[in-house]
């Protein structure tokens, strides 16, 4: 489903497309009741019909809902509108670390601060038994106020959960995987 600027999805006016990936698209939206700017991740319709992939999307919602940290993009709510599964998230005004480093090399002091904030988010997630499994520059947002926000827990898992990952299947972005993850650990 491609949503156009000005269309509505439930109580949200579409303001623009923020990005897309294998699971769906993320839109910048305005809440028609509160007028707050937020982001909505909409699962692709053909994936909503696949129980395993819908399960993965619902898992991302559960994982995101379990995390409350200033360096992790917050989940507002999840819902179904018609046949569409979606999650409403904090809108972050900024750019991804990938976009930033593609355009300019940040000064060393800024880079250290970004890494420090990302590590705080990862430590918090790990302390809560959650492994992100897809850390890459495109999943690290740098807000306009230089606050780092870790995003996209779509392939994350609870450390004690072995569901949804088939033996021999790599999950995440191979270029950024740890050796342990590549070896199946």
Protein backbone atom coordinates (compact mmCIF):
# COMPACT_ATOMS: atom_id res chain seq x y z
CA UNK A 1 0.00 0.00 0.00
CA UNK A 2 1.50 3.30 -1.08
CA UNK A 3 0.12 6.17 0.93
CA UNK A 4 0.20 9.64 -0.57
CA UNK A 5 0.76 12.99 1.12
CA UNK A 6 -2.56 14.33 2.37
CA UNK A 7 -4.26 10.93 2.61
CA UNK A 8 -5.41 9.69 5.98
CA UNK A 9 -4.87 6.36 7.64
CA UNK A 10 -7.21 6.11 10.60
CA UNK A 11 -6.56 9.19 12.75
CA UNK A 12 -3.33 10.12 10.95
CA UNK A 13 -2.65 12.44 8.02
CA UNK A 14 0.24 11.31 5.83
CA UNK A 15 2.91 14.03 5.58
CA UNK A 16 5.55 12.07 3.69
CA UNK A 17 7.51 8.85 3.28
CA UNK A 18 10.47 8.57 5.66
CA UNK A 19 11.83 5.25 4.46
CA UNK A 20 11.09 1.72 3.43
CA UNK A 21 12.53 -1.71 4.03
CA UNK A 22 11.77 -5.37 3.65
CA UNK A 23 8.95 -5.36 6.19
CA UNK A 24 7.18 -2.15 5.21
CA UNK A 25 7.26 1.61 4.96
CA UNK A 26 7.62 4.36 7.54
CA UNK A 27 5.65 7.56 7.11
CA UNK A 28 5.78 10.93 8.80
CA UNK A 29 2.23 11.65 10.02
CA UNK A 30 0.17 14.17 11.93
CA UNK A 31 -2.17 12.91 14.61
CA UNK A 32 -5.47 14.55 13.69
CA UNK A 33 -6.56 14.75 17.33
CA UNK A 34 -3.42 15.98 19.09
CA UNK A 35 -1.76 17.57 16.01
CA UNK A 36 1.46 15.87 17.16
CA UNK A 37 3.95 14.83 14.47
CA UNK A 38 4.76 11.12 14.71
CA UNK A 39 5.96 8.23 12.56
CA UNK A 40 3.96 5.19 11.48
CA UNK A 41 5.53 1.94 10.32
CA UNK A 42 3.07 0.07 8.09
CA UNK A 43 3.63 -3.61 7.38
CA UNK A 44 3.41 -4.42 3.67
CA UNK A 45 -0.08 -5.86 2.93
CA UNK A 46 1.23 -9.09 1.42
CA UNK A 47 3.26 -9.67 4.59
CA UNK A 48 0.29 -9.05 6.88
CA UNK A 49 -1.24 -12.21 5.38
CA UNK A 50 1.87 -14.29 6.20
CA UNK A 51 1.56 -15.48 9.81
CA UNK A 52 5.34 -15.81 10.33
CA UNK A 53 6.09 -12.31 9.04
CA UNK A 54 3.14 -10.79 10.88
CA UNK A 55 4.57 -12.53 13.96
CA UNK A 56 7.94 -10.87 13.35
CA UNK A 57 6.27 -7.46 13.08
CA UNK A 58 4.30 -8.07 16.29
CA UNK A 59 7.55 -9.17 17.93
CA UNK A 60 9.13 -5.83 17.00
CA UNK A 61 6.19 -4.13 18.67
CA UNK A 62 6.62 -6.22 21.84
CA UNK A 63 10.38 -5.63 21.91
CA UNK A 64 10.02 -1.89 21.31
CA UNK A 65 7.29 -1.59 23.95
CA UNK A 66 9.58 -3.24 26.50
CA UNK A 67 12.25 -0.56 26.07
CA UNK A 68 12.10 2.90 27.63
CA UNK A 69 15.41 4.70 27.17
CA UNK A 70 16.32 8.19 25.91
CA UNK A 71 18.53 6.67 23.18
CA UNK A 72 15.93 4.24 21.83
CA UNK A 73 13.15 5.41 19.51
CA UNK A 74 9.96 5.01 21.51
CA UNK A 75 6.89 3.10 20.49
CA UNK A 76 3.61 4.96 21.05
CA UNK A 77 1.08 2.26 20.17
CA UNK A 78 0.31 -0.55 17.76
CA UNK A 79 -2.93 -1.17 15.95
CA UNK A 80 -4.65 -2.72 13.01
CA UNK A 81 -6.56 -0.53 10.56
CA UNK A 82 -8.48 -2.76 8.18
CA UNK A 83 -6.00 -5.38 7.00
CA UNK A 84 -3.02 -3.16 7.85
CA UNK A 85 -0.77 -3.83 10.83
CA UNK A 86 1.01 -0.69 11.96
CA UNK A 87 2.95 0.79 14.82
CA UNK A 88 3.00 4.42 15.84
CA UNK A 89 6.42 5.66 16.91
CA UNK A 90 8.23 8.75 18.03
CA UNK A 91 9.13 11.00 15.08
CA UNK A 92 12.80 11.93 15.13
CA UNK A 93 13.76 15.11 13.30
CA UNK A 94 17.24 14.39 12.01
CA UNK A 95 19.13 11.93 9.83
CA UNK A 96 20.55 8.45 10.12
CA UNK A 97 24.20 7.96 10.92
CA UNK A 98 24.49 6.42 7.45
CA UNK A 99 23.19 9.60 5.82
CA UNK A 100 25.45 11.74 7.99
CA UNK A 101 28.66 9.87 7.18
CA UNK A 102 27.76 9.71 3.47
CA UNK A 103 27.60 13.53 3.36
CA UNK A 104 30.37 14.51 5.74
CA UNK A 105 32.78 12.99 8.21
CA UNK A 106 31.72 14.07 11.70
CA UNK A 107 34.47 15.46 13.94
CA UNK A 108 36.08 12.86 16.21
CA UNK A 109 34.48 14.29 19.36
CA UNK A 110 30.99 14.05 17.78
CA UNK A 111 31.68 10.50 16.59
CA UNK A 112 32.74 9.45 20.09
CA UNK A 113 29.56 11.02 21.54
CA UNK A 114 27.35 9.25 18.97
CA UNK A 115 29.00 5.90 19.69
CA UNK A 116 28.71 6.47 23.44
CA UNK A 117 24.97 7.15 23.18
CA UNK A 118 24.41 4.15 20.90
CA UNK A 119 26.29 1.93 23.37
CA UNK A 120 24.08 3.20 26.21
CA UNK A 121 21.02 2.14 24.20
CA UNK A 122 22.52 -1.28 23.41
CA UNK A 123 23.56 -1.82 27.02
CA UNK A 124 20.04 -0.97 28.18
CA UNK A 125 18.51 -3.37 25.63
CA UNK A 126 20.95 -6.15 26.60
CA UNK A 127 20.27 -5.53 30.30
CA UNK A 128 16.61 -6.17 29.47
CA UNK A 129 17.42 -9.41 27.63
CA UNK A 130 17.04 -7.99 24.11
CA UNK A 131 19.55 -8.48 21.28
CA UNK A 132 19.08 -5.98 18.41
CA UNK A 133 20.79 -8.10 15.68
CA UNK A 134 20.83 -5.37 13.03
CA UNK A 135 23.10 -2.59 14.26
CA UNK A 136 24.14 -0.49 11.27
CA UNK A 137 24.42 3.22 10.42
CA UNK A 138 20.93 3.21 8.87
CA UNK A 139 19.37 2.11 12.18
CA UNK A 140 21.03 4.82 14.26
CA UNK A 141 19.25 8.16 14.08
CA UNK A 142 20.96 11.45 14.94
CA UNK A 143 18.32 13.96 16.03
CA UNK A 144 18.66 17.68 15.31
CA UNK A 145 19.73 18.18 18.95
CA UNK A 146 22.50 15.53 18.51
CA UNK A 147 20.67 12.92 20.60
CA UNK A 148 21.23 9.43 19.19
CA UNK A 149 18.21 7.13 18.84
CA UNK A 150 18.55 3.43 18.10
CA UNK A 151 15.75 2.24 15.80
CA UNK A 152 14.33 -0.77 14.01
CA UNK A 153 14.08 -3.72 16.34
CA UNK A 154 12.47 -5.72 13.51
CA UNK A 155 14.91 -8.63 13.76
CA UNK A 156 15.66 -8.23 17.46
CA UNK A 157 15.03 -11.10 19.79
CA UNK A 158 14.79 -11.74 23.47
CA UNK A 159 18.06 -13.40 24.47
CA UNK A 160 16.26 -16.52 25.75
CA UNK A 161 13.98 -16.86 22.70
CA UNK A 162 14.94 -19.09 19.77
CA UNK A 163 11.77 -18.61 17.71
CA UNK A 164 11.61 -17.06 14.22
CA UNK A 165 15.24 -17.73 13.30
CA UNK A 166 15.71 -20.84 11.22
CA UNK A 167 18.94 -22.82 11.51
CA UNK A 168 21.46 -21.65 8.94
CA UNK A 169 19.61 -18.40 8.19
CA UNK A 170 21.43 -15.13 8.78
CA UNK A 171 19.27 -12.35 10.19
CA UNK A 172 20.42 -8.74 9.91
CA UNK A 173 22.83 -6.91 7.62
CA UNK A 174 25.86 -9.14 6.89
CA UNK A 175 28.26 -6.22 6.33
CA UNK A 176 27.69 -5.06 9.93
CA UNK A 177 27.30 -8.43 11.69
CA UNK A 178 29.51 -9.53 14.54
CA UNK A 179 31.58 -12.68 13.95
CA UNK A 180 29.46 -14.46 16.60
CA UNK A 181 26.26 -13.61 14.74
CA UNK A 182 27.67 -14.82 11.41
CA UNK A 183 28.71 -18.09 13.07
CA UNK A 184 25.19 -18.57 14.41
CA UNK A 185 25.75 -17.36 17.98
